[in-house]
Amino acid sequence: MAFYEREKKILGLLAREESCGVNTLAQKLYISLPTMRRDLAKLESSGKIIRSHGKVSLVKKSGDTEIPFVFREQEQYAAKSVMAQKASRLVSDGSVIMLDGTTSAYHVIAEISELKNLVVITSGTMASYYLGKLGIRNICTGGRMVDGSFSYVGDDCIRTVQSYNADVLFFSCRGLSDDGYLSDNSLEENAVRRAMMKQAKKKILLCDSSKIGKKYLHNLCHISEIDEVICECELPEHLQRLLKRQ
């Protein structure tokens, strides 16, 4: 197994558990202890993990730093799968779809793979790669890639988005506050999402229940500015009322 694959497994497990012992980590991932120690040394030197008293944990980042894709891919995996199934019911043959670079949007791809004549415009490199593997026509925005997130941002990215029109946009963010504001730690990711919102007929937020009631550094928009929220469970009543204002 290549280091990249082991790295993904290690970071994925640490994303689900607050901390883990080195021996336990090696056993759970079926990696020999010497290999695990070498991999952890590499991950520590690259600033992705912290080792302390025999325990390993992820480095917690804040502000405008984007959370790496391999971390986010493991967060609320079951909820994202349920949301993706719900989202796929809103897509029909021949649709033009926009997806941001989030893992919530990435999960939608598998659920729409049987539809025909789709065009997908995405700011996510991993999404574009997966779409290509499935034979789905797609346009990747390009731009400046955010380290670790495999997502494009910047003026070039936004110009590409502005060149196309879509039937529906599926996007996500880090939090949906009780007063109805969508927010994220990344100002540049939010700028791309705003551009996408202007180009799409329908704007649909993918928001698992762990994000409800949370507020982060940069506001994206208010819930009343979008068309629908897809959650793995029923949206709280007060947010449903705010949504209906649009």
C-alpha atoms as a PDB file:
ATOM      1  CA  MET A   1       0.000   0.000   0.000  1.00  0.00           C
ATOM      2  CA  ALA A   2       1.389   3.410  -0.983  1.00  0.00           C
ATOM      3  CA  PHE A   3       2.013   6.079   1.654  1.00  0.00           C
ATOM      4  CA  TYR A   4      -0.818   8.222   0.241  1.00  0.00           C
ATOM      5  CA  GLU A   5      -3.307   5.400   0.844  1.00  0.00           C
ATOM      6  CA  ARG A   6      -2.012   4.793   4.364  1.00  0.00           C
ATOM      7  CA  GLU A   7      -2.114   8.538   5.058  1.00  0.00           C
ATOM      8  CA  LYS A   8      -5.762   8.679   3.993  1.00  0.00           C
ATOM      9  CA  LYS A   9      -6.653   5.777   6.308  1.00  0.00           C
ATOM     10  CA  ILE A  10      -4.736   7.239   9.255  1.00  0.00           C
ATOM     11  CA  LEU A  11      -6.215  10.723   8.899  1.00  0.00           C
ATOM     12  CA  GLY A  12      -9.672   9.282   8.291  1.00  0.00           C
ATOM     13  CA  LEU A  13      -9.601   7.303  11.527  1.00  0.00           C
ATOM     14  CA  LEU A  14      -8.244  10.268  13.490  1.00  0.00           C
ATOM     15  CA  ALA A  15     -11.034  12.419  12.037  1.00  0.00           C
ATOM     16  CA  ARG A  16     -13.558  10.068  13.669  1.00  0.00           C
ATOM     17  CA  GLU A  17     -11.712   9.698  16.984  1.00  0.00           C
ATOM     18  CA  GLU A  18     -10.319  12.567  19.038  1.00  0.00           C
ATOM     19  CA  SER A  19      -7.064  10.717  19.723  1.00  0.00           C
ATOM     20  CA  CYS A  20      -5.677   7.217  19.381  1.00  0.00           C
ATOM     21  CA  GLY A  21      -2.697   5.254  20.703  1.00  0.00           C
ATOM     22  CA  VAL A  22       0.020   4.348  18.231  1.00  0.00           C
ATOM     23  CA  ASN A  23      -0.349   0.586  18.830  1.00  0.00           C
ATOM     24  CA  THR A  24      -4.149   0.779  18.571  1.00  0.00           C
ATOM     25  CA  LEU A  25      -3.883   2.813  15.365  1.00  0.00           C
ATOM     26  CA  ALA A  26      -1.576   0.228  13.802  1.00  0.00           C
ATOM     27  CA  GLN A  27      -3.879  -2.643  14.787  1.00  0.00           C
ATOM     28  CA  LYS A  28      -7.062  -0.968  13.530  1.00  0.00           C
ATOM     29  CA  LEU A  29      -5.524  -0.147  10.157  1.00  0.00           C
ATOM     30  CA  TYR A  30      -3.572  -3.431   9.793  1.00  0.00           C
ATOM     31  CA  ILE A  31      -0.281  -1.554   9.439  1.00  0.00           C
ATOM     32  CA  SER A  32       2.942  -2.832  11.008  1.00  0.00           C
ATOM     33  CA  LEU A  33       4.198  -0.834  13.979  1.00  0.00           C
ATOM     34  CA  PRO A  34       7.511   0.238  12.324  1.00  0.00           C
ATOM     35  CA  THR A  35       5.625   1.438   9.214  1.00  0.00           C
ATOM     36  CA  MET A  36       3.067   3.228  11.375  1.00  0.00           C
ATOM     37  CA  ARG A  37       5.824   5.047  13.274  1.00  0.00           C
ATOM     38  CA  ARG A  38       7.513   6.139  10.032  1.00  0.00           C
ATOM     39  CA  ASP A  39       4.181   7.360   8.602  1.00  0.00           C
ATOM     40  CA  LEU A  40       3.341   9.261  11.788  1.00  0.00           C
ATOM     41  CA  ALA A  41       6.756  10.946  11.712  1.00  0.00           C
ATOM     42  CA  LYS A  42       6.045  12.162   8.160  1.00  0.00           C
ATOM     43  CA  LEU A  43       2.560  13.370   9.071  1.00  0.00           C
ATOM     44  CA  GLU A  44       3.875  15.174  12.142  1.00  0.00           C
ATOM     45  CA  SER A  45       6.629  16.916  10.164  1.00  0.00           C
ATOM     46  CA  SER A  46       4.030  18.098   7.638  1.00  0.00           C
ATOM     47  CA  GLY A  47       1.931  19.585  10.451  1.00  0.00           C
ATOM     48  CA  LYS A  48      -1.074  17.261  10.100  1.00  0.00           C
ATOM     49  CA  ILE A  49      -0.894  15.436  13.441  1.00  0.00           C
ATOM     50  CA  ILE A  50       0.429  15.827  16.972  1.00  0.00           C
ATOM     51  CA  ARG A  51       2.030  12.998  18.960  1.00  0.00           C
ATOM     52  CA  SER A  52       1.978  13.303  22.737  1.00  0.00           C
ATOM     53  CA  HIS A  53       2.388  10.681  25.499  1.00  0.00           C
ATOM     54  CA  GLY A  54       1.862   7.800  23.098  1.00  0.00           C
ATOM     55  CA  LYS A  55      -1.332   9.311  21.662  1.00  0.00           C
ATOM     56  CA  VAL A  56      -1.907  10.702  18.173  1.00  0.00           C
ATOM     57  CA  SER A  57      -4.420  13.423  17.274  1.00  0.00           C
ATOM     58  CA  LEU A  58      -5.157  15.738  14.365  1.00  0.00           C
ATOM     59  CA  VAL A  59      -3.881  19.298  14.329  1.00  0.00           C
ATOM     60  CA  LYS A  60      -6.866  21.567  14.904  1.00  0.00           C
ATOM     61  CA  LYS A  61      -6.928  24.482  12.472  1.00  0.00           C
ATOM     62  CA  SER A  62      -9.009  27.654  12.464  1.00  0.00           C
ATOM     63  CA  GLY A  63      -9.517  30.955  10.713  1.00  0.00           C
ATOM     64  CA  ASP A  64      -9.287  30.958   6.921  1.00  0.00           C
ATOM     65  CA  THR A  65      -7.503  27.596   6.742  1.00  0.00           C
ATOM     66  CA  GLU A  66      -9.443  25.010   4.750  1.00  0.00           C
ATOM     67  CA  ILE A  67      -9.896  21.599   6.373  1.00  0.00           C
ATOM     68  CA  PRO A  68      -8.203  18.909   4.249  1.00  0.00           C
ATOM     69  CA  PHE A  69     -10.437  16.780   2.020  1.00  0.00           C
ATOM     70  CA  VAL A  70      -9.345  13.498   3.612  1.00  0.00           C
ATOM     71  CA  PHE A  71     -10.530  14.792   7.022  1.00  0.00           C
ATOM     72  CA  ARG A  72     -13.858  16.096   5.739  1.00  0.00           C
ATOM     73  CA  GLU A  73     -14.565  12.964   3.703  1.00  0.00           C
ATOM     74  CA  GLN A  74     -14.860  10.948   6.934  1.00  0.00           C
ATOM     75  CA  GLU A  75     -17.041  13.428   8.812  1.00  0.00           C
ATOM     76  CA  GLN A  76     -20.704  12.380   9.059  1.00  0.00           C
ATOM     77  CA  TYR A  77     -20.241   9.799   6.295  1.00  0.00           C
ATOM     78  CA  ALA A  78     -23.630   8.100   6.792  1.00  0.00           C
ATOM     79  CA  ALA A  79     -25.462  11.451   6.900  1.00  0.00           C
ATOM     80  CA  LYS A  80     -23.788  12.570   3.664  1.00  0.00           C
ATOM     81  CA  SER A  81     -24.881   9.378   1.950  1.00  0.00           C
ATOM     82  CA  VAL A  82     -28.508   9.954   2.987  1.00  0.00           C
ATOM     83  CA  MET A  83     -28.351  13.576   1.799  1.00  0.00           C
ATOM     84  CA  ALA A  84     -26.858  12.490  -1.527  1.00  0.00           C
ATOM     85  CA  GLN A  85     -29.757  10.101  -2.107  1.00  0.00           C
ATOM     86  CA  LYS A  86     -32.243  12.895  -1.398  1.00  0.00           C
ATOM     87  CA  ALA A  87     -30.362  15.294  -3.665  1.00  0.00           C
ATOM     88  CA  SER A  88     -30.347  12.843  -6.586  1.00  0.00           C
ATOM     89  CA  ARG A  89     -34.163  12.914  -6.677  1.00  0.00           C
ATOM     90  CA  LEU A  90     -33.963  16.571  -7.696  1.00  0.00           C
ATOM     91  CA  VAL A  91     -31.828  15.829 -10.764  1.00  0.00           C
ATOM     92  CA  SER A  92     -33.164  14.546 -14.086  1.00  0.00           C
ATOM     93  CA  ASP A  93     -31.648  13.461 -17.404  1.00  0.00           C
ATOM     94  CA  GLY A  94     -30.077  16.349 -19.296  1.00  0.00           C
ATOM     95  CA  SER A  95     -29.540  18.547 -16.242  1.00  0.00           C
ATOM     96  CA  VAL A  96     -26.654  20.972 -15.822  1.00  0.00           C
ATOM     97  CA  ILE A  97     -25.399  20.754 -12.252  1.00  0.00           C
ATOM     98  CA  MET A  98     -22.940  22.794 -10.212  1.00  0.00           C
ATOM     99  CA  LEU A  99     -21.055  21.277  -7.285  1.00  0.00           C
ATOM    100  CA  ASP A 100     -18.747  23.116  -4.931  1.00  0.00           C
ATOM    101  CA  GLY A 101     -15.594  21.456  -3.592  1.00  0.00           C
ATOM    102  CA  THR A 102     -17.142  20.031  -0.411  1.00  0.00           C
ATOM    103  CA  THR A 103     -17.335  16.339   0.410  1.00  0.00           C
ATOM    104  CA  SER A 104     -21.114  16.674   0.860  1.00  0.00           C
ATOM    105  CA  ALA A 105     -21.391  17.671  -2.809  1.00  0.00           C
ATOM    106  CA  TYR A 106     -18.860  14.972  -3.755  1.00  0.00           C
ATOM    107  CA  HIS A 107     -21.160  12.292  -2.315  1.00  0.00           C
ATOM    108  CA  VAL A 108     -23.938  13.296  -4.725  1.00  0.00           C
ATOM    109  CA  ILE A 109     -21.915  12.052  -7.711  1.00  0.00           C
ATOM    110  CA  ALA A 110     -22.403   8.332  -7.047  1.00  0.00           C
ATOM    111  CA  GLU A 111     -26.163   8.826  -6.799  1.00  0.00           C
ATOM    112  CA  ILE A 112     -26.516  10.508 -10.205  1.00  0.00           C
ATOM    113  CA  SER A 113     -24.210   8.204 -12.147  1.00  0.00           C
ATOM    114  CA  GLU A 114     -27.070   6.390 -13.911  1.00  0.00           C
ATOM    115  CA  LEU A 115     -28.595   9.566 -15.374  1.00  0.00           C
ATOM    116  CA  LYS A 116     -27.930  10.476 -19.001  1.00  0.00           C
ATOM    117  CA  ASN A 117     -26.591  13.594 -20.735  1.00  0.00           C
ATOM    118  CA  LEU A 118     -25.534  15.325 -17.541  1.00  0.00           C
ATOM    119  CA  VAL A 119     -23.097  18.221 -17.445  1.00  0.00           C
ATOM    120  CA  VAL A 120     -21.452  18.927 -14.094  1.00  0.00           C
ATOM    121  CA  ILE A 121     -19.476  22.090 -13.335  1.00  0.00           C
ATOM    122  CA  THR A 122     -17.356  21.780 -10.209  1.00  0.00           C
ATOM    123  CA  SER A 123     -14.637  23.564  -8.283  1.00  0.00           C
ATOM    124  CA  GLY A 124     -13.517  20.280  -6.742  1.00  0.00           C
ATOM    125  CA  THR A 125     -10.590  18.370  -8.245  1.00  0.00           C
ATOM    126  CA  MET A 126     -11.617  15.106  -6.579  1.00  0.00           C
ATOM    127  CA  ALA A 127     -15.176  15.585  -7.841  1.00  0.00           C
ATOM    128  CA  SER A 128     -13.946  16.164 -11.405  1.00  0.00           C
ATOM    129  CA  TYR A 129     -11.734  13.072 -11.249  1.00  0.00           C
ATOM    130  CA  TYR A 130     -14.598  10.911  -9.945  1.00  0.00           C
ATOM    131  CA  LEU A 131     -16.990  12.253 -12.582  1.00  0.00           C
ATOM    132  CA  GLY A 132     -14.440  11.422 -15.262  1.00  0.00           C
ATOM    133  CA  LYS A 133     -14.083   7.860 -13.967  1.00  0.00           C
ATOM    134  CA  LEU A 134     -17.862   7.449 -14.209  1.00  0.00           C
ATOM    135  CA  GLY A 135     -17.938   8.881 -17.729  1.00  0.00           C
ATOM    136  CA  ILE A 136     -19.971  11.948 -16.735  1.00  0.00           C
ATOM    137  CA  ARG A 137     -19.202  15.049 -18.775  1.00  0.00           C
ATOM    138  CA  ASN A 138     -17.763  17.677 -16.468  1.00  0.00           C
ATOM    139  CA  ILE A 139     -16.067  21.053 -16.429  1.00  0.00           C
ATOM    140  CA  CYS A 140     -13.566  21.745 -13.664  1.00  0.00           C
ATOM    141  CA  THR A 141     -13.168  25.440 -12.907  1.00  0.00           C
ATOM    142  CA  GLY A 142      -9.431  25.488 -12.412  1.00  0.00           C
ATOM    143  CA  GLY A 143      -7.918  28.335 -10.447  1.00  0.00           C
ATOM    144  CA  ARG A 144      -5.706  28.274  -7.371  1.00  0.00           C
ATOM    145  CA  MET A 145      -5.963  25.054  -5.434  1.00  0.00           C
ATOM    146  CA  VAL A 146      -6.350  25.240  -1.659  1.00  0.00           C
ATOM    147  CA  ASP A 147      -3.678  23.003  -0.152  1.00  0.00           C
ATOM    148  CA  GLY A 148      -5.101  19.722   1.091  1.00  0.00           C
ATOM    149  CA  SER A 149      -8.720  20.415   0.131  1.00  0.00           C
ATOM    150  CA  PHE A 150      -8.374  19.698  -3.610  1.00  0.00           C
ATOM    151  CA  SER A 151     -10.721  22.634  -4.191  1.00  0.00           C
ATOM    152  CA  TYR A 152     -10.157  25.610  -6.493  1.00  0.00           C
ATOM    153  CA  VAL A 153     -10.629  29.260  -5.525  1.00  0.00           C
ATOM    154  CA  GLY A 154      -9.617  32.690  -6.818  1.00  0.00           C
ATOM    155  CA  ASP A 155     -10.445  34.980  -9.733  1.00  0.00           C
ATOM    156  CA  ASP A 156      -9.759  32.399 -12.447  1.00  0.00           C
ATOM    157  CA  CYS A 157     -12.090  29.941 -10.753  1.00  0.00           C
ATOM    158  CA  ILE A 158     -14.852  32.534 -10.415  1.00  0.00           C
ATOM    159  CA  ARG A 159     -14.501  33.643 -14.039  1.00  0.00           C
ATOM    160  CA  THR A 160     -15.054  30.067 -15.177  1.00  0.00           C
ATOM    161  CA  VAL A 161     -18.130  29.743 -12.978  1.00  0.00           C
ATOM    162  CA  GLN A 162     -19.528  32.970 -14.443  1.00  0.00           C
ATOM    163  CA  SER A 163     -19.237  31.515 -17.961  1.00  0.00           C
ATOM    164  CA  TYR A 164     -21.893  28.855 -17.332  1.00  0.00           C
ATOM    165  CA  ASN A 165     -25.515  28.549 -16.237  1.00  0.00           C
ATOM    166  CA  ALA A 166     -26.867  25.620 -14.239  1.00  0.00           C
ATOM    167  CA  ASP A 167     -30.228  24.116 -13.390  1.00  0.00           C
ATOM    168  CA  VAL A 168     -29.215  23.338  -9.824  1.00  0.00           C
ATOM    169  CA  LEU A 169     -26.346  23.976  -7.414  1.00  0.00           C
ATOM    170  CA  PHE A 170     -25.525  21.583  -4.590  1.00  0.00           C
ATOM    171  CA  PHE A 171     -23.175  23.089  -2.032  1.00  0.00           C
ATOM    172  CA  SER A 172     -22.312  22.959   1.631  1.00  0.00           C
ATOM    173  CA  CYS A 173     -20.543  24.968   4.346  1.00  0.00           C
ATOM    174  CA  ARG A 174     -19.359  24.448   7.901  1.00  0.00           C
ATOM    175  CA  GLY A 175     -22.340  25.833   9.797  1.00  0.00           C
ATOM    176  CA  LEU A 176     -26.003  26.887   9.755  1.00  0.00           C
ATOM    177  CA  SER A 177     -26.751  29.117  12.747  1.00  0.00           C
ATOM    178  CA  ASP A 178     -30.020  29.236  14.662  1.00  0.00           C
ATOM    179  CA  ASP A 179     -30.755  32.651  13.160  1.00  0.00           C
ATOM    180  CA  GLY A 180     -30.381  31.209   9.661  1.00  0.00           C
ATOM    181  CA  TYR A 181     -26.904  32.283   8.533  1.00  0.00           C
ATOM    182  CA  LEU A 182     -24.703  29.955   6.493  1.00  0.00           C
ATOM    183  CA  SER A 183     -21.036  30.347   7.423  1.00  0.00           C
ATOM    184  CA  ASP A 184     -17.591  28.859   6.841  1.00  0.00           C
ATOM    185  CA  ASN A 185     -13.971  29.448   7.857  1.00  0.00           C
ATOM    186  CA  SER A 186     -12.831  29.967   4.274  1.00  0.00           C
ATOM    187  CA  LEU A 187     -13.501  33.397   2.775  1.00  0.00           C
ATOM    188  CA  GLU A 188     -12.279  32.253  -0.659  1.00  0.00           C
ATOM    189  CA  GLU A 189     -14.470  29.140  -0.730  1.00  0.00           C
ATOM    190  CA  ASN A 190     -17.457  31.336   0.139  1.00  0.00           C
ATOM    191  CA  ALA A 191     -16.626  33.663  -2.760  1.00  0.00           C
ATOM    192  CA  VAL A 192     -16.788  30.718  -5.173  1.00  0.00           C
ATOM    193  CA  ARG A 193     -20.093  29.585  -3.677  1.00  0.00           C
ATOM    194  CA  ARG A 194     -21.584  33.065  -4.101  1.00  0.00           C
ATOM    195  CA  ALA A 195     -20.576  33.067  -7.769  1.00  0.00           C
ATOM    196  CA  MET A 196     -22.187  29.657  -8.227  1.00  0.00           C
ATOM    197  CA  MET A 197     -25.380  30.803  -6.530  1.00  0.00           C
ATOM    198  CA  LYS A 198     -25.757  33.600  -9.074  1.00  0.00           C
ATOM    199  CA  GLN A 199     -25.453  31.147 -11.995  1.00  0.00           C
ATOM    200  CA  ALA A 200     -27.886  28.468 -10.778  1.00  0.00           C
ATOM    201  CA  LYS A 201     -31.677  28.406 -11.020  1.00  0.00           C
ATOM    202  CA  LYS A 202     -31.990  26.393  -7.808  1.00  0.00           C
ATOM    203  CA  LYS A 203     -29.625  26.695  -4.852  1.00  0.00           C
ATOM    204  CA  ILE A 204     -29.652  23.707  -2.503  1.00  0.00           C
ATOM    205  CA  LEU A 205     -27.657  23.496   0.715  1.00  0.00           C
ATOM    206  CA  LEU A 206     -26.458  20.076   1.871  1.00  0.00           C
ATOM    207  CA  CYS A 207     -26.297  20.401   5.652  1.00  0.00           C
ATOM    208  CA  ASP A 208     -25.973  17.445   7.997  1.00  0.00           C
ATOM    209  CA  SER A 209     -27.391  17.804  11.500  1.00  0.00           C
ATOM    210  CA  SER A 210     -23.958  18.249  13.133  1.00  0.00           C
ATOM    211  CA  LYS A 211     -23.677  21.670  11.432  1.00  0.00           C
ATOM    212  CA  ILE A 212     -26.987  23.044  12.686  1.00  0.00           C
ATOM    213  CA  GLY A 213     -26.633  25.690  15.369  1.00  0.00           C
ATOM    214  CA  LYS A 214     -22.985  26.341  14.441  1.00  0.00           C
ATOM    215  CA  LYS A 215     -21.508  29.669  13.333  1.00  0.00           C
ATOM    216  CA  TYR A 216     -18.060  30.257  11.793  1.00  0.00           C
ATOM    217  CA  LEU A 217     -15.875  33.192  10.805  1.00  0.00           C
ATOM    218  CA  HIS A 218     -17.299  34.217   7.401  1.00  0.00           C
ATOM    219  CA  ASN A 219     -20.988  34.515   6.554  1.00  0.00           C
ATOM    220  CA  LEU A 220     -21.990  33.132   3.164  1.00  0.00           C
ATOM    221  CA  CYS A 221     -25.647  34.148   3.012  1.00  0.00           C
ATOM    222  CA  HIS A 222     -28.956  33.834   4.864  1.00  0.00           C
ATOM    223  CA  ILE A 223     -31.111  30.734   4.551  1.00  0.00           C
ATOM    224  CA  SER A 224     -33.865  32.860   2.992  1.00  0.00           C
ATOM    225  CA  GLU A 225     -31.588  33.430  -0.039  1.00  0.00           C
ATOM    226  CA  ILE A 226     -31.547  29.753  -1.066  1.00  0.00           C
ATOM    227  CA  ASP A 227     -34.244  27.377  -2.310  1.00  0.00           C
ATOM    228  CA  GLU A 228     -33.889  24.288  -0.191  1.00  0.00           C
ATOM    229  CA  VAL A 229     -31.934  22.626   2.601  1.00  0.00           C
ATOM    230  CA  ILE A 230     -31.256  18.887   2.479  1.00  0.00           C
ATOM    231  CA  CYS A 231     -30.442  17.284   5.822  1.00  0.00           C
ATOM    232  CA  GLU A 232     -30.353  13.605   6.825  1.00  0.00           C
ATOM    233  CA  CYS A 233     -33.127  14.365   9.310  1.00  0.00           C
ATOM    234  CA  GLU A 234     -35.945  16.887   9.522  1.00  0.00           C
ATOM    235  CA  LEU A 235     -34.804  20.508   9.608  1.00  0.00           C
ATOM    236  CA  PRO A 236     -35.722  22.300  12.878  1.00  0.00           C
ATOM    237  CA  GLU A 237     -39.018  24.162  12.627  1.00  0.00           C
ATOM    238  CA  HIS A 238     -37.557  27.621  13.226  1.00  0.00           C
ATOM    239  CA  LEU A 239     -35.165  27.145  10.280  1.00  0.00           C
ATOM    240  CA  GLN A 240     -37.985  25.851   8.086  1.00  0.00           C
ATOM    241  CA  ARG A 241     -39.861  29.090   8.771  1.00  0.00           C
ATOM    242  CA  LEU A 242     -36.811  31.195   7.846  1.00  0.00           C
ATOM    243  CA  LEU A 243     -36.352  29.172   4.662  1.00  0.00           C
ATOM    244  CA  LYS A 244     -39.919  29.796   3.569  1.00  0.00           C
ATOM    245  CA  ARG A 245     -39.335  33.548   3.549  1.00  0.00           C
ATOM    246  CA  GLN A 246     -37.578  33.314   0.189  1.00  0.00           C
END
